[in-house]
Amino acid sequence: MISLKNFFRIGFSLFAMVCLLNITSCNSGSKDTMPAENDNSSATTSSPDVTVATPPVDTAMTAKTGATAATPSTNPNAETHVVTIENMKYNPATITVKKGDQVTFNNKDIVEHNATEVNKAWASPMLQPGQSWTFTPEKTSDYYCTIHLVMKGKIIVK
């Protein structure tokens, strides 16, 4: 029969191993984790009571990151399209806008992100959780997050 002392030693060792496994599996939000498949099949809806604030562009940060400042639209009939950054994805990943429309990147993720055109024609500053950035795209372009290279998107300008 097993002694009480050995029973507690085995039980404590087993408990410690389970705790260590739980701690090591808590890798949520790490830069090294692969995001889930991006399913952008659902249409993005716009709510009239949602307002998106554009933070002022920090010129020191812009110079450091090579980001471009937000470009205002000169079209009075321009629409604003919102790309939400959440769960390591751009949603929607592909959007179609009219020439002169604006695109707002709204970071609702728990880590910072950016959006950078693949040829560096434009780039957002690093967006902390809760920050947004608005600009007017001039032509169709692919973009990605320079921190999380698996995050990719496309803006189609018609």
C-alpha atoms as a PDB file:
ATOM      1  CA  MET A   1       0.000   0.000   0.000  1.00  0.00           C
ATOM      2  CA  ILE A   2       1.226   3.537  -0.786  1.00  0.00           C
ATOM      3  CA  SER A   3       2.132   5.700   2.149  1.00  0.00           C
ATOM      4  CA  LEU A   4       0.434   9.036   2.736  1.00  0.00           C
ATOM      5  CA  LYS A   5       3.739  10.842   2.246  1.00  0.00           C
ATOM      6  CA  ASN A   6       4.265   9.270  -1.219  1.00  0.00           C
ATOM      7  CA  PHE A   7       0.644   9.964  -2.145  1.00  0.00           C
ATOM      8  CA  PHE A   8       1.049  13.708  -1.478  1.00  0.00           C
ATOM      9  CA  ARG A   9       4.431  13.830  -3.257  1.00  0.00           C
ATOM     10  CA  ILE A  10       2.969  12.210  -6.397  1.00  0.00           C
ATOM     11  CA  GLY A  11      -0.166  14.328  -6.191  1.00  0.00           C
ATOM     12  CA  PHE A  12       1.806  17.579  -5.827  1.00  0.00           C
ATOM     13  CA  SER A  13       4.133  16.647  -8.712  1.00  0.00           C
ATOM     14  CA  LEU A  14       1.149  15.904 -10.931  1.00  0.00           C
ATOM     15  CA  PHE A  15      -0.511  19.195  -9.924  1.00  0.00           C
ATOM     16  CA  ALA A  16       2.699  21.145 -10.682  1.00  0.00           C
ATOM     17  CA  MET A  17       3.003  19.544 -14.128  1.00  0.00           C
ATOM     18  CA  VAL A  18      -0.615  20.410 -14.987  1.00  0.00           C
ATOM     19  CA  CYS A  19      -0.036  24.027 -13.913  1.00  0.00           C
ATOM     20  CA  LEU A  20       3.107  24.292 -16.037  1.00  0.00           C
ATOM     21  CA  LEU A  21       1.279  22.909 -19.063  1.00  0.00           C
ATOM     22  CA  ASN A  22      -1.487  25.470 -18.601  1.00  0.00           C
ATOM     23  CA  ILE A  23       1.000  28.327 -18.317  1.00  0.00           C
ATOM     24  CA  THR A  24       2.938  27.298 -21.430  1.00  0.00           C
ATOM     25  CA  SER A  25      -0.250  26.914 -23.464  1.00  0.00           C
ATOM     26  CA  CYS A  26      -1.347  30.490 -22.641  1.00  0.00           C
ATOM     27  CA  ASN A  27       0.327  32.028 -25.676  1.00  0.00           C
ATOM     28  CA  SER A  28      -2.697  34.074 -26.734  1.00  0.00           C
ATOM     29  CA  GLY A  29      -1.819  37.306 -28.537  1.00  0.00           C
ATOM     30  CA  SER A  30       1.840  36.481 -29.005  1.00  0.00           C
ATOM     31  CA  LYS A  31       3.572  37.769 -32.140  1.00  0.00           C
ATOM     32  CA  ASP A  32       4.670  34.188 -32.796  1.00  0.00           C
ATOM     33  CA  THR A  33       1.199  32.678 -32.907  1.00  0.00           C
ATOM     34  CA  MET A  34      -0.365  31.933 -36.260  1.00  0.00           C
ATOM     35  CA  PRO A  35      -3.770  33.618 -36.687  1.00  0.00           C
ATOM     36  CA  ALA A  36      -6.884  31.653 -37.474  1.00  0.00           C
ATOM     37  CA  GLU A  37      -8.091  31.505 -41.070  1.00  0.00           C
ATOM     38  CA  ASN A  38      -9.519  34.871 -42.113  1.00  0.00           C
ATOM     39  CA  ASP A  39     -13.167  34.421 -43.094  1.00  0.00           C
ATOM     40  CA  ASN A  40     -14.301  37.697 -44.611  1.00  0.00           C
ATOM     41  CA  SER A  41     -17.402  36.258 -46.229  1.00  0.00           C
ATOM     42  CA  SER A  42     -19.749  38.313 -44.074  1.00  0.00           C
ATOM     43  CA  ALA A  43     -20.530  41.841 -45.179  1.00  0.00           C
ATOM     44  CA  THR A  44     -19.404  44.704 -42.992  1.00  0.00           C
ATOM     45  CA  THR A  45     -22.252  46.784 -41.720  1.00  0.00           C
ATOM     46  CA  SER A  46     -22.078  50.365 -40.692  1.00  0.00           C
ATOM     47  CA  SER A  47     -23.806  51.633 -37.584  1.00  0.00           C
ATOM     48  CA  PRO A  48     -24.849  55.297 -37.481  1.00  0.00           C
ATOM     49  CA  ASP A  49     -24.050  55.652 -33.769  1.00  0.00           C
ATOM     50  CA  VAL A  50     -20.434  54.495 -34.112  1.00  0.00           C
ATOM     51  CA  THR A  51     -17.849  57.247 -34.363  1.00  0.00           C
ATOM     52  CA  VAL A  52     -14.262  56.632 -35.269  1.00  0.00           C
ATOM     53  CA  ALA A  53     -11.748  59.079 -33.861  1.00  0.00           C
ATOM     54  CA  THR A  54      -8.561  59.691 -35.771  1.00  0.00           C
ATOM     55  CA  PRO A  55      -5.668  60.368 -33.425  1.00  0.00           C
ATOM     56  CA  PRO A  56      -3.361  63.238 -34.293  1.00  0.00           C
ATOM     57  CA  VAL A  57      -0.325  62.160 -36.252  1.00  0.00           C
ATOM     58  CA  ASP A  58       2.793  62.225 -34.122  1.00  0.00           C
ATOM     59  CA  THR A  59       5.459  63.661 -36.420  1.00  0.00           C
ATOM     60  CA  ALA A  60       8.255  62.085 -34.392  1.00  0.00           C
ATOM     61  CA  MET A  61       6.605  58.687 -34.719  1.00  0.00           C
ATOM     62  CA  THR A  62       5.895  59.307 -38.409  1.00  0.00           C
ATOM     63  CA  ALA A  63       9.561  60.082 -39.061  1.00  0.00           C
ATOM     64  CA  LYS A  64      10.667  57.040 -37.077  1.00  0.00           C
ATOM     65  CA  THR A  65       8.258  54.582 -38.740  1.00  0.00           C
ATOM     66  CA  GLY A  66       8.248  56.123 -42.213  1.00  0.00           C
ATOM     67  CA  ALA A  67       4.476  56.495 -41.985  1.00  0.00           C
ATOM     68  CA  THR A  68       2.576  59.001 -44.036  1.00  0.00           C
ATOM     69  CA  ALA A  69       0.149  61.461 -42.542  1.00  0.00           C
ATOM     70  CA  ALA A  70      -3.589  60.967 -42.977  1.00  0.00           C
ATOM     71  CA  THR A  71      -4.778  62.440 -46.250  1.00  0.00           C
ATOM     72  CA  PRO A  72      -8.112  64.249 -46.250  1.00  0.00           C
ATOM     73  CA  SER A  73     -10.579  63.675 -49.052  1.00  0.00           C
ATOM     74  CA  THR A  74     -11.402  66.601 -51.331  1.00  0.00           C
ATOM     75  CA  ASN A  75     -14.610  64.920 -52.516  1.00  0.00           C
ATOM     76  CA  PRO A  76     -17.670  66.238 -50.602  1.00  0.00           C
ATOM     77  CA  ASN A  77     -19.568  63.016 -51.480  1.00  0.00           C
ATOM     78  CA  ALA A  78     -16.766  60.767 -50.243  1.00  0.00           C
ATOM     79  CA  GLU A  79     -17.667  57.760 -48.137  1.00  0.00           C
ATOM     80  CA  THR A  80     -15.593  56.413 -45.285  1.00  0.00           C
ATOM     81  CA  HIS A  81     -14.945  52.667 -45.314  1.00  0.00           C
ATOM     82  CA  VAL A  82     -13.824  51.025 -42.071  1.00  0.00           C
ATOM     83  CA  VAL A  83     -11.303  48.198 -41.893  1.00  0.00           C
ATOM     84  CA  THR A  84     -11.333  46.694 -38.406  1.00  0.00           C
ATOM     85  CA  ILE A  85      -8.123  45.157 -37.122  1.00  0.00           C
ATOM     86  CA  GLU A  86      -9.049  42.386 -34.709  1.00  0.00           C
ATOM     87  CA  ASN A  87      -7.890  38.838 -33.928  1.00  0.00           C
ATOM     88  CA  MET A  88      -4.737  39.357 -36.027  1.00  0.00           C
ATOM     89  CA  LYS A  89      -6.822  40.048 -39.179  1.00  0.00           C
ATOM     90  CA  TYR A  90      -7.993  42.946 -41.303  1.00  0.00           C
ATOM     91  CA  ASN A  91     -11.763  42.768 -41.662  1.00  0.00           C
ATOM     92  CA  PRO A  92     -12.717  42.994 -44.426  1.00  0.00           C
ATOM     93  CA  ALA A  93      -9.412  41.887 -45.924  1.00  0.00           C
ATOM     94  CA  THR A  94     -10.417  43.192 -49.372  1.00  0.00           C
ATOM     95  CA  ILE A  95     -12.501  46.319 -49.876  1.00  0.00           C
ATOM     96  CA  THR A  96     -13.623  48.173 -52.971  1.00  0.00           C
ATOM     97  CA  VAL A  97     -13.884  51.962 -52.779  1.00  0.00           C
ATOM     98  CA  LYS A  98     -14.580  54.779 -55.214  1.00  0.00           C
ATOM     99  CA  LYS A  99     -11.858  57.259 -56.101  1.00  0.00           C
ATOM    100  CA  GLY A 100     -11.883  59.956 -53.390  1.00  0.00           C
ATOM    101  CA  ASP A 101     -13.385  57.699 -50.680  1.00  0.00           C
ATOM    102  CA  GLN A 102     -11.599  57.391 -47.364  1.00  0.00           C
ATOM    103  CA  VAL A 103     -10.469  54.252 -45.566  1.00  0.00           C
ATOM    104  CA  THR A 104     -10.211  54.125 -41.769  1.00  0.00           C
ATOM    105  CA  PHE A 105      -8.144  51.427 -40.071  1.00  0.00           C
ATOM    106  CA  ASN A 106      -9.562  50.866 -36.573  1.00  0.00           C
ATOM    107  CA  ASN A 107      -7.414  48.736 -34.230  1.00  0.00           C
ATOM    108  CA  LYS A 108      -9.691  46.708 -31.952  1.00  0.00           C
ATOM    109  CA  ASP A 109      -7.027  44.097 -31.261  1.00  0.00           C
ATOM    110  CA  ILE A 110      -5.092  43.695 -28.003  1.00  0.00           C
ATOM    111  CA  VAL A 111      -1.717  44.483 -29.615  1.00  0.00           C
ATOM    112  CA  GLU A 112      -0.410  47.252 -31.868  1.00  0.00           C
ATOM    113  CA  HIS A 113      -0.639  46.962 -35.653  1.00  0.00           C
ATOM    114  CA  ASN A 114      -0.144  49.071 -38.740  1.00  0.00           C
ATOM    115  CA  ALA A 115      -1.087  48.979 -42.418  1.00  0.00           C
ATOM    116  CA  THR A 116       1.695  49.428 -44.978  1.00  0.00           C
ATOM    117  CA  GLU A 117       1.338  49.353 -48.769  1.00  0.00           C
ATOM    118  CA  VAL A 118       3.603  46.622 -50.195  1.00  0.00           C
ATOM    119  CA  ASN A 119       5.702  49.154 -52.169  1.00  0.00           C
ATOM    120  CA  LYS A 120       5.690  51.631 -49.259  1.00  0.00           C
ATOM    121  CA  ALA A 121       3.534  54.146 -51.213  1.00  0.00           C
ATOM    122  CA  TRP A 122       1.624  54.775 -47.963  1.00  0.00           C
ATOM    123  CA  ALA A 123       1.781  53.546 -44.384  1.00  0.00           C
ATOM    124  CA  SER A 124      -0.125  54.118 -41.199  1.00  0.00           C
ATOM    125  CA  PRO A 125       1.628  54.873 -37.939  1.00  0.00           C
ATOM    126  CA  MET A 126       1.735  52.108 -35.344  1.00  0.00           C
ATOM    127  CA  LEU A 127      -1.824  51.909 -34.045  1.00  0.00           C
ATOM    128  CA  GLN A 128      -2.178  51.072 -30.377  1.00  0.00           C
ATOM    129  CA  PRO A 129      -5.343  49.222 -29.305  1.00  0.00           C
ATOM    130  CA  GLY A 130      -8.268  51.649 -29.678  1.00  0.00           C
ATOM    131  CA  GLN A 131      -6.525  53.961 -32.168  1.00  0.00           C
ATOM    132  CA  SER A 132      -7.552  54.579 -35.772  1.00  0.00           C
ATOM    133  CA  TRP A 133      -6.022  56.110 -38.880  1.00  0.00           C
ATOM    134  CA  THR A 134      -7.840  57.500 -41.921  1.00  0.00           C
ATOM    135  CA  PHE A 135      -6.493  58.188 -45.398  1.00  0.00           C
ATOM    136  CA  THR A 136      -7.662  58.526 -48.996  1.00  0.00           C
ATOM    137  CA  PRO A 137      -6.228  55.809 -51.251  1.00  0.00           C
ATOM    138  CA  GLU A 138      -5.274  56.985 -54.733  1.00  0.00           C
ATOM    139  CA  LYS A 139      -4.997  53.610 -56.446  1.00  0.00           C
ATOM    140  CA  THR A 140      -5.540  49.891 -55.927  1.00  0.00           C
ATOM    141  CA  SER A 141      -2.968  48.466 -53.551  1.00  0.00           C
ATOM    142  CA  ASP A 142      -2.067  45.480 -51.430  1.00  0.00           C
ATOM    143  CA  TYR A 143      -1.024  46.092 -47.824  1.00  0.00           C
ATOM    144  CA  TYR A 144       0.193  44.214 -44.768  1.00  0.00           C
ATOM    145  CA  CYS A 145       1.153  44.657 -41.114  1.00  0.00           C
ATOM    146  CA  THR A 146       4.923  45.086 -40.782  1.00  0.00           C
ATOM    147  CA  ILE A 147       4.811  43.531 -37.296  1.00  0.00           C
ATOM    148  CA  HIS A 148       2.649  40.522 -38.198  1.00  0.00           C
ATOM    149  CA  LEU A 149       3.540  39.590 -41.778  1.00  0.00           C
ATOM    150  CA  VAL A 150       0.676  37.082 -42.081  1.00  0.00           C
ATOM    151  CA  MET A 151      -1.822  39.962 -41.883  1.00  0.00           C
ATOM    152  CA  LYS A 152      -2.607  41.048 -45.451  1.00  0.00           C
ATOM    153  CA  GLY A 153      -5.284  43.066 -47.189  1.00  0.00           C
ATOM    154  CA  LYS A 154      -6.219  44.803 -50.426  1.00  0.00           C
ATOM    155  CA  ILE A 155      -7.900  48.092 -51.319  1.00  0.00           C
ATOM    156  CA  ILE A 156      -9.442  48.219 -54.794  1.00  0.00           C
ATOM    157  CA  VAL A 157     -10.016  51.778 -56.063  1.00  0.00           C
ATOM    158  CA  LYS A 158     -12.517  52.123 -58.928  1.00  0.00           C
END
